[in-house]
Amino acid sequence: MRLARVIARTSGSSLSAVAMTGLMAMANETKGHAELAWSDLSSVLAAALEAIQTRSKARRGDKTVLDGLAAIVDATGDADSGEAFSQAALQATRSALVAMRDRPATKGRLRLAPDQGAGHDDPGMVALQRVVGAMSGA
């Protein structure tokens, strides 16, 4: 929860608002737990995904960071170790980038010129993929 508050105070970007919302949902979902099993992390991320969708009104397929996060949730449900989770999450973000690349942008700055987004990666999805890559040692 502290990290979400720091983001809220220090950044005005829309991606920061999305991150803050997701982190707050994750904090609420794990409140009172000193530890979390890897097998439970996907459901915690699903709570973050739901909170972000509610706040942002973005949905799967809109070519946003939500598509990357949804891919992670879908791919990691059976992960029972850090290695399994990180590898599944990394592959999921890579696949989501490829799947969305040729779609027009319907959210974010490029929503005003959606065809300009076609053929390019969504910056939020790229950021998520890089964070997941760094966390997995890739």
N, C-alpha and C. Protein backbone atom coordinates (compact mmCIF):
# COMPACT_ATOMS: atom_id res chain seq x y z
N MET A 1 0.83 -1.19 0.00
CA MET A 1 0.00 0.00 0.00
C MET A 1 0.87 1.25 0.00
N ARG A 2 2.02 1.19 0.66
CA ARG A 2 2.91 2.36 0.69
C ARG A 2 3.38 2.74 -0.69
N LEU A 3 3.72 1.74 -1.49
CA LEU A 3 4.17 2.02 -2.85
C LEU A 3 3.08 2.71 -3.66
N ALA A 4 1.86 2.26 -3.53
CA ALA A 4 0.74 2.88 -4.24
C ALA A 4 0.59 4.34 -3.84
N ARG A 5 0.76 4.64 -2.56
CA ARG A 5 0.65 6.02 -2.08
C ARG A 5 1.77 6.89 -2.63
N VAL A 6 2.97 6.35 -2.70
CA VAL A 6 4.10 7.11 -3.26
C VAL A 6 3.83 7.42 -4.73
N ILE A 7 3.36 6.45 -5.47
CA ILE A 7 3.04 6.67 -6.89
C ILE A 7 1.98 7.76 -7.02
N ALA A 8 0.97 7.71 -6.17
CA ALA A 8 -0.12 8.69 -6.24
C ALA A 8 0.40 10.11 -5.98
N ARG A 9 1.35 10.25 -5.07
CA ARG A 9 1.87 11.58 -4.73
C ARG A 9 2.87 12.12 -5.74
N THR A 10 3.58 11.25 -6.44
CA THR A 10 4.72 11.71 -7.23
C THR A 10 4.55 11.68 -8.73
N SER A 11 3.52 11.05 -9.24
CA SER A 11 3.40 10.93 -10.69
C SER A 11 1.98 11.23 -11.14
N GLY A 12 1.90 11.92 -12.25
CA GLY A 12 0.59 12.26 -12.79
C GLY A 12 0.23 11.51 -14.06
N SER A 13 1.06 10.56 -14.45
CA SER A 13 0.78 9.86 -15.71
C SER A 13 -0.37 8.87 -15.55
N SER A 14 -1.01 8.56 -16.65
CA SER A 14 -2.13 7.62 -16.60
C SER A 14 -1.65 6.21 -16.25
N LEU A 15 -0.46 5.83 -16.69
CA LEU A 15 0.07 4.52 -16.34
C LEU A 15 0.33 4.44 -14.84
N SER A 16 0.75 5.53 -14.24
CA SER A 16 0.96 5.55 -12.79
C SER A 16 -0.36 5.35 -12.06
N ALA A 17 -1.43 5.96 -12.55
CA ALA A 17 -2.74 5.78 -11.93
C ALA A 17 -3.18 4.32 -12.02
N VAL A 18 -2.90 3.70 -13.15
CA VAL A 18 -3.23 2.29 -13.34
C VAL A 18 -2.42 1.43 -12.36
N ALA A 19 -1.12 1.70 -12.26
CA ALA A 19 -0.26 0.95 -11.35
C ALA A 19 -0.71 1.13 -9.90
N MET A 20 -1.02 2.36 -9.53
CA MET A 20 -1.47 2.65 -8.17
C MET A 20 -2.76 1.88 -7.87
N THR A 21 -3.70 1.89 -8.78
CA THR A 21 -4.96 1.18 -8.58
C THR A 21 -4.73 -0.31 -8.41
N GLY A 22 -3.89 -0.87 -9.25
CA GLY A 22 -3.59 -2.29 -9.16
C GLY A 22 -2.88 -2.66 -7.86
N LEU A 23 -1.92 -1.84 -7.47
CA LEU A 23 -1.19 -2.11 -6.23
C LEU A 23 -2.10 -2.01 -5.01
N MET A 24 -2.99 -1.05 -5.01
CA MET A 24 -3.93 -0.92 -3.90
C MET A 24 -4.86 -2.13 -3.82
N ALA A 25 -5.32 -2.60 -4.97
CA ALA A 25 -6.18 -3.80 -4.98
C ALA A 25 -5.41 -5.01 -4.48
N MET A 26 -4.15 -5.12 -4.88
CA MET A 26 -3.33 -6.24 -4.42
C MET A 26 -3.09 -6.16 -2.92
N ALA A 27 -2.86 -4.95 -2.41
CA ALA A 27 -2.67 -4.78 -0.96
C ALA A 27 -3.92 -5.18 -0.20
N ASN A 28 -5.07 -4.78 -0.70
CA ASN A 28 -6.33 -5.15 -0.05
C ASN A 28 -6.56 -6.66 -0.09
N GLU A 29 -6.21 -7.26 -1.21
CA GLU A 29 -6.41 -8.70 -1.39
C GLU A 29 -5.51 -9.52 -0.46
N THR A 30 -4.35 -9.00 -0.13
CA THR A 30 -3.38 -9.75 0.68
C THR A 30 -3.29 -9.25 2.12
N LYS A 31 -4.16 -8.35 2.49
CA LYS A 31 -4.14 -7.77 3.84
C LYS A 31 -4.21 -8.89 4.89
N GLY A 32 -3.29 -8.80 5.85
CA GLY A 32 -3.27 -9.79 6.92
C GLY A 32 -2.44 -11.02 6.62
N HIS A 33 -1.89 -11.11 5.43
CA HIS A 33 -1.06 -12.27 5.06
C HIS A 33 0.41 -11.87 5.10
N ALA A 34 1.20 -12.60 5.88
CA ALA A 34 2.64 -12.35 5.93
C ALA A 34 3.33 -12.99 4.73
N GLU A 35 2.75 -14.05 4.21
CA GLU A 35 3.31 -14.75 3.06
C GLU A 35 2.20 -15.10 2.08
N LEU A 36 2.59 -15.36 0.86
CA LEU A 36 1.64 -15.71 -0.19
C LEU A 36 2.25 -16.83 -1.02
N ALA A 37 1.50 -17.88 -1.24
CA ALA A 37 1.98 -18.98 -2.08
C ALA A 37 1.98 -18.53 -3.54
N TRP A 38 2.92 -19.03 -4.30
CA TRP A 38 2.98 -18.69 -5.72
C TRP A 38 1.67 -19.03 -6.42
N SER A 39 1.05 -20.10 -5.99
CA SER A 39 -0.21 -20.53 -6.61
C SER A 39 -1.35 -19.55 -6.36
N ASP A 40 -1.19 -18.65 -5.38
CA ASP A 40 -2.22 -17.66 -5.08
C ASP A 40 -2.00 -16.32 -5.80
N LEU A 41 -0.82 -16.14 -6.35
CA LEU A 41 -0.48 -14.83 -6.93
C LEU A 41 -1.35 -14.48 -8.14
N SER A 42 -1.71 -15.45 -8.93
CA SER A 42 -2.54 -15.17 -10.10
C SER A 42 -3.89 -14.58 -9.69
N SER A 43 -4.49 -15.09 -8.63
CA SER A 43 -5.78 -14.55 -8.19
C SER A 43 -5.63 -13.15 -7.60
N VAL A 44 -4.49 -12.86 -7.00
CA VAL A 44 -4.22 -11.51 -6.49
C VAL A 44 -4.09 -10.55 -7.67
N LEU A 45 -3.40 -10.98 -8.71
CA LEU A 45 -3.29 -10.15 -9.92
C LEU A 45 -4.64 -9.99 -10.60
N ALA A 46 -5.48 -11.01 -10.52
CA ALA A 46 -6.83 -10.90 -11.10
C ALA A 46 -7.64 -9.82 -10.38
N ALA A 47 -7.45 -9.69 -9.08
CA ALA A 47 -8.13 -8.62 -8.33
C ALA A 47 -7.62 -7.25 -8.79
N ALA A 48 -6.32 -7.16 -9.04
CA ALA A 48 -5.76 -5.91 -9.56
C ALA A 48 -6.33 -5.60 -10.94
N LEU A 49 -6.42 -6.61 -11.78
CA LEU A 49 -6.96 -6.44 -13.13
C LEU A 49 -8.40 -5.92 -13.07
N GLU A 50 -9.20 -6.50 -12.21
CA GLU A 50 -10.60 -6.09 -12.08
C GLU A 50 -10.69 -4.63 -11.59
N ALA A 51 -9.88 -4.27 -10.62
CA ALA A 51 -9.90 -2.90 -10.10
C ALA A 51 -9.47 -1.89 -11.17
N ILE A 52 -8.47 -2.26 -11.93
CA ILE A 52 -7.98 -1.37 -13.00
C ILE A 52 -9.05 -1.21 -14.08
N GLN A 53 -9.70 -2.30 -14.44
CA GLN A 53 -10.76 -2.23 -15.44
C GLN A 53 -11.90 -1.33 -14.97
N THR A 54 -12.25 -1.45 -13.72
CA THR A 54 -13.33 -0.63 -13.16
C THR A 54 -12.96 0.85 -13.20
N ARG A 55 -11.75 1.16 -12.81
CA ARG A 55 -11.34 2.57 -12.77
C ARG A 55 -11.12 3.15 -14.16
N SER A 56 -10.46 2.40 -15.02
CA SER A 56 -10.04 2.96 -16.32
C SER A 56 -11.08 2.80 -17.42
N LYS A 57 -12.01 1.90 -17.25
CA LYS A 57 -13.01 1.56 -18.26
C LYS A 57 -12.39 0.84 -19.46
N ALA A 58 -11.11 0.51 -19.39
CA ALA A 58 -10.45 -0.25 -20.45
C ALA A 58 -10.85 -1.72 -20.32
N ARG A 59 -10.82 -2.42 -21.41
CA ARG A 59 -11.16 -3.84 -21.44
C ARG A 59 -10.11 -4.60 -22.22
N ARG A 60 -10.14 -5.91 -22.07
CA ARG A 60 -9.23 -6.75 -22.86
C ARG A 60 -9.45 -6.45 -24.34
N GLY A 61 -8.36 -6.38 -25.06
CA GLY A 61 -8.44 -6.12 -26.48
C GLY A 61 -8.35 -4.65 -26.85
N ASP A 62 -8.30 -3.76 -25.85
CA ASP A 62 -8.19 -2.32 -26.13
C ASP A 62 -6.76 -1.88 -26.42
N LYS A 63 -5.83 -2.81 -26.38
CA LYS A 63 -4.41 -2.53 -26.62
C LYS A 63 -3.87 -1.59 -25.54
N THR A 64 -3.95 -2.08 -24.30
CA THR A 64 -3.41 -1.35 -23.16
C THR A 64 -2.62 -2.32 -22.28
N VAL A 65 -2.06 -1.78 -21.23
CA VAL A 65 -1.34 -2.61 -20.26
C VAL A 65 -2.24 -3.70 -19.70
N LEU A 66 -3.55 -3.48 -19.72
CA LEU A 66 -4.48 -4.51 -19.24
C LEU A 66 -4.35 -5.81 -20.04
N ASP A 67 -4.06 -5.70 -21.32
CA ASP A 67 -3.91 -6.91 -22.12
C ASP A 67 -2.71 -7.73 -21.65
N GLY A 68 -1.64 -7.06 -21.29
CA GLY A 68 -0.48 -7.76 -20.74
C GLY A 68 -0.77 -8.37 -19.39
N LEU A 69 -1.44 -7.61 -18.52
CA LEU A 69 -1.77 -8.11 -17.19
C LEU A 69 -2.75 -9.28 -17.29
N ALA A 70 -3.74 -9.17 -18.16
CA ALA A 70 -4.70 -10.28 -18.34
C ALA A 70 -3.99 -11.53 -18.84
N ALA A 71 -3.03 -11.36 -19.73
CA ALA A 71 -2.26 -12.51 -20.23
C ALA A 71 -1.49 -13.18 -19.10
N ILE A 72 -0.94 -12.37 -18.19
CA ILE A 72 -0.22 -12.93 -17.04
C ILE A 72 -1.18 -13.71 -16.15
N VAL A 73 -2.33 -13.13 -15.86
CA VAL A 73 -3.33 -13.81 -15.03
C VAL A 73 -3.71 -15.15 -15.65
N ASP A 74 -3.98 -15.13 -16.94
CA ASP A 74 -4.39 -16.36 -17.64
C ASP A 74 -3.29 -17.42 -17.64
N ALA A 75 -2.04 -16.98 -17.76
CA ALA A 75 -0.93 -17.93 -17.94
C ALA A 75 -0.36 -18.47 -16.64
N THR A 76 -0.64 -17.83 -15.52
CA THR A 76 0.05 -18.19 -14.29
C THR A 76 -0.82 -18.91 -13.26
N GLY A 77 -2.04 -19.22 -13.60
CA GLY A 77 -2.95 -19.84 -12.65
C GLY A 77 -2.44 -21.14 -12.05
N ASP A 78 -1.65 -21.89 -12.79
CA ASP A 78 -1.14 -23.17 -12.30
C ASP A 78 0.29 -23.10 -11.78
N ALA A 79 0.87 -21.91 -11.77
CA ALA A 79 2.27 -21.78 -11.34
C ALA A 79 2.39 -22.08 -9.85
N ASP A 80 3.33 -22.95 -9.51
CA ASP A 80 3.50 -23.33 -8.11
C ASP A 80 4.89 -23.02 -7.58
N SER A 81 5.65 -22.26 -8.35
CA SER A 81 6.99 -21.85 -7.90
C SER A 81 7.31 -20.50 -8.54
N GLY A 82 8.29 -19.84 -7.98
CA GLY A 82 8.72 -18.56 -8.53
C GLY A 82 9.21 -18.69 -9.95
N GLU A 83 9.95 -19.74 -10.21
CA GLU A 83 10.48 -19.97 -11.55
C GLU A 83 9.34 -20.20 -12.55
N ALA A 84 8.39 -21.05 -12.19
CA ALA A 84 7.26 -21.32 -13.08
C ALA A 84 6.44 -20.06 -13.32
N PHE A 85 6.21 -19.30 -12.26
CA PHE A 85 5.42 -18.08 -12.39
C PHE A 85 6.13 -17.07 -13.28
N SER A 86 7.42 -16.83 -13.02
CA SER A 86 8.13 -15.80 -13.78
C SER A 86 8.27 -16.17 -15.25
N GLN A 87 8.51 -17.43 -15.54
CA GLN A 87 8.63 -17.84 -16.94
C GLN A 87 7.30 -17.75 -17.67
N ALA A 88 6.22 -18.16 -17.00
CA ALA A 88 4.89 -18.06 -17.62
C ALA A 88 4.51 -16.60 -17.83
N ALA A 89 4.80 -15.75 -16.85
CA ALA A 89 4.48 -14.33 -16.96
C ALA A 89 5.28 -13.67 -18.07
N LEU A 90 6.55 -14.00 -18.18
CA LEU A 90 7.39 -13.41 -19.22
C LEU A 90 6.90 -13.82 -20.61
N GLN A 91 6.60 -15.09 -20.79
CA GLN A 91 6.09 -15.54 -22.09
C GLN A 91 4.74 -14.92 -22.40
N ALA A 92 3.91 -14.77 -21.38
CA ALA A 92 2.58 -14.17 -21.58
C ALA A 92 2.69 -12.72 -22.04
N THR A 93 3.59 -11.95 -21.43
CA THR A 93 3.73 -10.55 -21.84
C THR A 93 4.29 -10.45 -23.25
N ARG A 94 5.21 -11.30 -23.58
CA ARG A 94 5.77 -11.30 -24.94
C ARG A 94 4.68 -11.63 -25.96
N SER A 95 3.89 -12.65 -25.66
CA SER A 95 2.82 -13.06 -26.58
C SER A 95 1.76 -11.98 -26.70
N ALA A 96 1.44 -11.31 -25.61
CA ALA A 96 0.44 -10.24 -25.65
C ALA A 96 0.90 -9.09 -26.53
N LEU A 97 2.18 -8.75 -26.43
CA LEU A 97 2.72 -7.67 -27.28
C LEU A 97 2.56 -8.03 -28.76
N VAL A 98 2.91 -9.23 -29.11
CA VAL A 98 2.80 -9.67 -30.51
C VAL A 98 1.33 -9.68 -30.95
N ALA A 99 0.45 -10.18 -30.09
CA ALA A 99 -0.97 -10.28 -30.44
C ALA A 99 -1.61 -8.91 -30.66
N MET A 100 -1.16 -7.91 -29.92
CA MET A 100 -1.78 -6.58 -29.99
C MET A 100 -1.09 -5.63 -30.97
N ARG A 101 0.08 -5.96 -31.40
CA ARG A 101 0.92 -5.04 -32.19
C ARG A 101 0.21 -4.43 -33.40
N ASP A 102 -0.50 -5.20 -34.16
CA ASP A 102 -1.10 -4.69 -35.40
C ASP A 102 -2.50 -4.11 -35.21
N ARG A 103 -2.98 -4.11 -33.99
CA ARG A 103 -4.30 -3.52 -33.73
C ARG A 103 -4.20 -2.01 -33.58
N PRO A 104 -5.28 -1.31 -33.90
CA PRO A 104 -5.29 0.14 -33.68
C PRO A 104 -5.39 0.43 -32.18
N ALA A 105 -4.89 1.57 -31.79
CA ALA A 105 -4.98 2.00 -30.39
C ALA A 105 -6.36 2.61 -30.14
N THR A 106 -7.02 2.18 -29.08
CA THR A 106 -8.35 2.72 -28.77
C THR A 106 -8.38 3.44 -27.43
N LYS A 107 -7.29 3.38 -26.70
CA LYS A 107 -7.17 4.06 -25.40
C LYS A 107 -5.84 4.80 -25.37
N GLY A 108 -5.68 5.65 -24.38
CA GLY A 108 -4.42 6.36 -24.24
C GLY A 108 -4.31 7.50 -25.24
N ARG A 109 -3.10 8.00 -25.38
CA ARG A 109 -2.87 9.18 -26.24
C ARG A 109 -3.21 8.93 -27.70
N LEU A 110 -2.97 7.71 -28.17
CA LEU A 110 -3.21 7.43 -29.58
C LEU A 110 -4.67 7.16 -29.92
N ARG A 111 -5.57 7.22 -28.94
CA ARG A 111 -6.98 6.97 -29.23
C ARG A 111 -7.54 8.01 -30.20
N LEU A 112 -6.91 9.19 -30.24
CA LEU A 112 -7.37 10.25 -31.14
C LEU A 112 -6.95 9.99 -32.58
N ALA A 113 -5.95 9.15 -32.76
CA ALA A 113 -5.49 8.75 -34.09
C ALA A 113 -5.19 7.26 -34.05
N PRO A 114 -6.22 6.42 -33.89
CA PRO A 114 -6.01 5.00 -33.61
C PRO A 114 -5.18 4.27 -34.65
N ASP A 115 -5.27 4.65 -35.91
CA ASP A 115 -4.51 3.95 -36.93
C ASP A 115 -3.01 4.14 -36.77
N GLN A 116 -2.60 5.22 -36.11
CA GLN A 116 -1.17 5.45 -35.88
C GLN A 116 -0.59 4.44 -34.90
N GLY A 117 -1.46 3.85 -34.08
CA GLY A 117 -1.00 2.84 -33.13
C GLY A 117 -0.80 1.48 -33.75
N ALA A 118 -1.46 1.22 -34.88
CA ALA A 118 -1.32 -0.07 -35.54
C ALA A 118 0.12 -0.27 -36.00
N GLY A 119 0.66 -1.43 -35.70
CA GLY A 119 2.04 -1.73 -36.06
C GLY A 119 3.04 -1.33 -35.00
N HIS A 120 2.56 -0.77 -33.90
CA HIS A 120 3.45 -0.33 -32.81
C HIS A 120 2.98 -0.95 -31.50
N ASP A 121 3.91 -1.13 -30.59
CA ASP A 121 3.57 -1.68 -29.28
C ASP A 121 3.02 -0.59 -28.37
N ASP A 122 2.08 -0.97 -27.51
CA ASP A 122 1.56 -0.06 -26.51
C ASP A 122 2.66 0.18 -25.47
N PRO A 123 2.96 1.43 -25.13
CA PRO A 123 4.04 1.71 -24.17
C PRO A 123 3.82 1.07 -22.80
N GLY A 124 2.58 1.02 -22.33
CA GLY A 124 2.31 0.38 -21.04
C GLY A 124 2.59 -1.11 -21.08
N MET A 125 2.25 -1.75 -22.18
CA MET A 125 2.52 -3.17 -22.32
C MET A 125 4.02 -3.43 -22.39
N VAL A 126 4.74 -2.54 -23.07
CA VAL A 126 6.21 -2.67 -23.13
C VAL A 126 6.80 -2.52 -21.74
N ALA A 127 6.32 -1.52 -20.98
CA ALA A 127 6.82 -1.32 -19.63
C ALA A 127 6.57 -2.55 -18.76
N LEU A 128 5.37 -3.11 -18.86
CA LEU A 128 5.05 -4.31 -18.09
C LEU A 128 5.96 -5.46 -18.47
N GLN A 129 6.18 -5.65 -19.75
CA GLN A 129 7.05 -6.74 -20.21
C GLN A 129 8.47 -6.55 -19.68
N ARG A 130 8.94 -5.32 -19.65
CA ARG A 130 10.30 -5.06 -19.16
C ARG A 130 10.39 -5.28 -17.65
N VAL A 131 9.38 -4.90 -16.92
CA VAL A 131 9.37 -5.15 -15.47
C VAL A 131 9.37 -6.65 -15.20
N VAL A 132 8.51 -7.38 -15.89
CA VAL A 132 8.44 -8.83 -15.72
C VAL A 132 9.78 -9.46 -16.12
N GLY A 133 10.36 -8.98 -17.21
CA GLY A 133 11.66 -9.50 -17.65
C GLY A 133 12.74 -9.26 -16.61
N ALA A 134 12.78 -8.08 -16.04
CA ALA A 134 13.77 -7.75 -15.01
C ALA A 134 13.55 -8.62 -13.77
N MET A 135 12.31 -8.83 -13.41
CA MET A 135 12.02 -9.64 -12.23
C MET A 135 12.34 -11.11 -12.45
N SER A 136 12.27 -11.55 -13.68
CA SER A 136 12.54 -12.96 -13.97
C SER A 136 13.99 -13.21 -14.36
N GLY A 137 14.77 -12.14 -14.42
CA GLY A 137 16.19 -12.28 -14.75
C GLY A 137 16.47 -12.39 -16.24
N ALA A 138 15.48 -12.06 -17.07
CA ALA A 138 15.65 -12.15 -18.52
C ALA A 138 16.32 -10.90 -19.07
